[in-house]
Amino acid sequence: MVRLTKIYTRGGDGGLTSLASGERRPKHDFRVAAYGAVDEAMSAIGVARLHTEGELDAMLARIQNDLFDVGADLATPPKEGEDQPSGLRVVDAQVDRLEQEIDGLNANLAPLNSFVLPGGTPAGAHLHMARALTRRAEREATRLAAEEPVSPPAIKYLNRLSDLLFQMARHANDDGANDVLWVPGANR
């Protein structure tokens, strides 16, 4: 378990931060941007949880914990020549669980005849915001992966999570009955 006794260190005052490995990188580094975007998504899920309860809230609580795992994974670059990366890594079982939850929610949702606009209920709107921020985290992680090694399950997790958050938003919108649908060209 992590123990924090002092919140500020002044170590980042010069524009650098430490990765989990201890390596110092600029705060605008692709790796820092990737796990920072994960933190944004995790925070948006925290706001969404203010409007959820029961099974949906329990799923979101698990997801927040998983997103901390994703952030830790992204904050720990693999060591050169390392066959089995050290540090906390996202595993395929975490991705598989998201797929099972997507399938479970999808069984009760009305079929879509149009794209969905973010909105509906407060929970639905906040889940759509979390979905959009998760997509940003995925973009940042794939941008990082174009430059240096990234754990493939971490990227898969973010991809599946955005799909799950979309399904959760529809579920929160009375299983799609209160979805706000796009009407192409409605305001021309």
Protein backbone atom coordinates (compact mmCIF):
# COMPACT_ATOMS: atom_id res chain seq x y z
CA MET A 1 0.00 0.00 0.00
CA VAL A 2 1.11 3.54 -0.72
CA ARG A 3 1.72 5.87 2.20
CA LEU A 4 1.80 9.60 1.59
CA THR A 5 2.97 11.82 4.41
CA LYS A 6 3.59 14.99 2.42
CA ILE A 7 1.55 16.09 -0.60
CA TYR A 8 3.85 18.72 -2.07
CA THR A 9 7.49 17.99 -2.84
CA ARG A 10 8.45 20.95 -5.05
CA GLY A 11 10.02 18.37 -7.38
CA GLY A 12 7.80 19.42 -10.27
CA ASP A 13 8.36 23.15 -9.99
CA GLY A 14 10.84 23.08 -12.87
CA GLY A 15 8.44 21.35 -15.26
CA LEU A 16 9.60 17.77 -14.66
CA THR A 17 7.84 14.89 -12.93
CA SER A 18 8.83 11.40 -11.90
CA LEU A 19 7.52 8.25 -13.52
CA ALA A 20 6.89 5.18 -11.38
CA SER A 21 10.41 4.03 -12.28
CA GLY A 22 11.89 7.20 -10.79
CA GLU A 23 12.89 8.50 -14.22
CA ARG A 24 12.31 12.26 -14.61
CA ARG A 25 10.34 13.45 -17.63
CA PRO A 26 8.87 16.78 -18.77
CA LYS A 27 5.28 17.26 -17.67
CA HIS A 28 4.28 17.54 -21.35
CA ASP A 29 5.86 14.14 -22.17
CA PHE A 30 3.60 11.72 -24.06
CA ARG A 31 3.72 9.20 -21.20
CA VAL A 32 2.74 11.82 -18.62
CA ALA A 33 -0.03 13.09 -20.91
CA ALA A 34 -1.37 9.53 -21.29
CA TYR A 35 -1.67 8.77 -17.60
CA GLY A 36 -2.89 12.33 -16.95
CA ALA A 37 -5.75 11.76 -19.41
CA VAL A 38 -6.59 8.53 -17.57
CA ASP A 39 -6.80 10.58 -14.36
CA GLU A 40 -9.27 12.95 -16.08
CA ALA A 41 -11.47 10.02 -17.11
CA MET A 42 -11.30 8.54 -13.61
CA SER A 43 -12.35 11.89 -12.13
CA ALA A 44 -15.29 12.19 -14.52
CA ILE A 45 -16.41 8.72 -13.45
CA GLY A 46 -16.29 9.95 -9.85
CA VAL A 47 -18.72 12.73 -10.77
CA ALA A 48 -20.95 10.27 -12.64
CA ARG A 49 -21.06 8.10 -9.53
CA LEU A 50 -22.83 10.93 -7.69
CA HIS A 51 -25.82 10.13 -9.92
CA THR A 52 -25.71 6.31 -9.88
CA GLU A 53 -26.52 3.58 -7.40
CA GLY A 54 -26.66 -0.18 -7.08
CA GLU A 55 -24.98 -2.37 -9.69
CA LEU A 56 -24.04 0.54 -11.96
CA ASP A 57 -22.28 2.35 -9.11
CA ALA A 58 -20.47 -0.86 -8.09
CA MET A 59 -19.26 -1.32 -11.68
CA LEU A 60 -18.02 2.27 -11.78
CA ALA A 61 -16.19 1.81 -8.46
CA ARG A 62 -14.36 -1.22 -9.91
CA ILE A 63 -13.57 0.76 -13.06
CA GLN A 64 -12.09 3.65 -11.07
CA ASN A 65 -9.77 1.20 -9.34
CA ASP A 66 -8.87 -0.38 -12.69
CA LEU A 67 -8.13 3.06 -14.13
CA PHE A 68 -5.61 3.61 -11.36
CA ASP A 69 -4.04 0.33 -12.55
CA VAL A 70 -4.04 1.68 -16.13
CA GLY A 71 -2.37 4.89 -14.95
CA ALA A 72 0.24 2.92 -13.02
CA ASP A 73 0.85 0.76 -16.10
CA LEU A 74 1.32 3.82 -18.31
CA ALA A 75 3.54 5.51 -15.68
CA THR A 76 5.91 2.53 -15.68
CA PRO A 77 7.89 2.27 -18.91
CA PRO A 78 9.27 -1.19 -19.61
CA LYS A 79 12.98 -1.56 -19.05
CA GLU A 80 15.08 -2.12 -22.14
CA GLY A 81 15.45 -5.82 -22.95
CA GLU A 82 12.81 -6.79 -20.40
CA ASP A 83 10.86 -9.88 -21.50
CA GLN A 84 8.32 -9.71 -18.68
CA PRO A 85 7.62 -6.07 -17.82
CA SER A 86 7.92 -5.24 -14.14
CA GLY A 87 5.45 -3.12 -12.22
CA LEU A 88 1.68 -3.18 -12.13
CA ARG A 89 0.26 -4.13 -15.53
CA VAL A 90 -3.30 -4.33 -16.81
CA VAL A 91 -4.22 -7.91 -17.68
CA ASP A 92 -6.55 -9.33 -20.30
CA ALA A 93 -8.98 -10.53 -17.60
CA GLN A 94 -9.75 -6.88 -16.81
CA VAL A 95 -10.61 -6.27 -20.47
CA ASP A 96 -12.68 -9.47 -20.60
CA ARG A 97 -14.74 -8.30 -17.61
CA LEU A 98 -15.57 -5.06 -19.43
CA GLU A 99 -16.75 -7.04 -22.45
CA GLN A 100 -19.00 -9.17 -20.25
CA GLU A 101 -20.47 -6.04 -18.67
CA ILE A 102 -21.06 -4.49 -22.12
CA ASP A 103 -22.89 -7.63 -23.24
CA GLY A 104 -24.95 -7.70 -20.03
CA LEU A 105 -26.10 -4.09 -20.44
CA ASN A 106 -26.69 -4.45 -24.17
CA ALA A 107 -29.25 -7.23 -23.63
CA ASN A 108 -31.76 -4.70 -22.22
CA LEU A 109 -31.09 -1.72 -24.48
CA ALA A 110 -33.39 -0.60 -27.26
CA PRO A 111 -31.74 -0.82 -30.70
CA LEU A 112 -30.29 2.43 -32.02
CA ASN A 113 -31.72 4.11 -35.13
CA SER A 114 -29.49 7.20 -34.90
CA PHE A 115 -26.37 8.42 -33.18
CA VAL A 116 -26.82 9.43 -29.54
CA LEU A 117 -26.06 12.94 -28.33
CA PRO A 118 -24.66 13.28 -24.81
CA GLY A 119 -27.51 14.02 -22.41
CA GLY A 120 -30.68 12.46 -21.13
CA THR A 121 -30.55 11.96 -17.37
CA PRO A 122 -27.86 13.52 -15.15
CA ALA A 123 -26.20 10.10 -14.84
CA GLY A 124 -26.37 9.59 -18.59
CA ALA A 125 -24.85 12.99 -19.33
CA HIS A 126 -22.00 12.46 -16.88
CA LEU A 127 -21.32 8.97 -18.22
CA HIS A 128 -21.10 10.42 -21.74
CA MET A 129 -18.57 12.97 -20.45
CA ALA A 130 -16.56 10.14 -18.87
CA ARG A 131 -16.76 8.27 -22.20
CA ALA A 132 -15.41 11.25 -24.13
CA LEU A 133 -12.55 11.69 -21.66
CA THR A 134 -11.79 7.97 -21.86
CA ARG A 135 -11.53 8.33 -25.65
CA ARG A 136 -9.02 11.14 -25.09
CA ALA A 137 -7.03 8.87 -22.76
CA GLU A 138 -7.05 6.19 -25.45
CA ARG A 139 -5.79 8.69 -28.04
CA GLU A 140 -2.99 9.78 -25.70
CA ALA A 141 -2.04 6.16 -24.96
CA THR A 142 -1.92 5.27 -28.66
CA ARG A 143 0.11 8.41 -29.38
CA LEU A 144 2.55 7.25 -26.69
CA ALA A 145 2.56 3.73 -28.17
CA ALA A 146 3.67 5.19 -31.52
CA GLU A 147 6.78 6.54 -29.78
CA GLU A 148 7.67 3.93 -27.14
CA PRO A 149 6.45 0.59 -25.79
CA VAL A 150 3.05 0.51 -24.06
CA SER A 151 1.28 -2.49 -22.58
CA PRO A 152 -1.32 -3.62 -25.18
CA PRO A 153 -3.93 -4.58 -22.52
CA ALA A 154 -3.85 -0.99 -21.19
CA ILE A 155 -4.89 0.36 -24.59
CA LYS A 156 -7.49 -2.41 -25.02
CA TYR A 157 -8.90 -1.56 -21.60
CA LEU A 158 -9.42 2.09 -22.55
CA ASN A 159 -11.03 1.13 -25.84
CA ARG A 160 -13.51 -1.27 -24.20
CA LEU A 161 -14.16 1.13 -21.34
CA SER A 162 -15.40 3.86 -23.68
CA ASP A 163 -17.81 1.32 -25.19
CA LEU A 164 -18.99 0.28 -21.72
CA LEU A 165 -19.49 3.89 -20.63
CA PHE A 166 -21.64 4.45 -23.74
CA GLN A 167 -23.78 1.44 -22.80
CA MET A 168 -23.94 2.61 -19.18
CA ALA A 169 -25.13 6.05 -20.32
CA ARG A 170 -27.89 4.43 -22.36
CA HIS A 171 -28.79 2.21 -19.40
CA ALA A 172 -28.93 5.29 -17.14
CA ASN A 173 -31.21 6.90 -19.74
CA ASP A 174 -33.92 4.33 -18.97
CA ASP A 175 -32.35 1.69 -21.22
CA GLY A 176 -32.32 4.11 -24.14
CA ALA A 177 -35.85 5.51 -23.75
CA ASN A 178 -34.45 8.92 -22.70
CA ASP A 179 -31.51 8.98 -25.11
CA VAL A 180 -31.13 12.24 -27.02
CA LEU A 181 -30.86 11.26 -30.68
CA TRP A 182 -29.04 13.14 -33.41
CA VAL A 183 -31.31 14.50 -36.13
CA PRO A 184 -29.05 15.15 -39.15
CA GLY A 185 -29.50 18.64 -40.56
CA ALA A 186 -32.28 19.51 -38.10
CA ASN A 187 -31.20 23.13 -37.73
CA ARG A 188 -30.37 24.11 -41.30
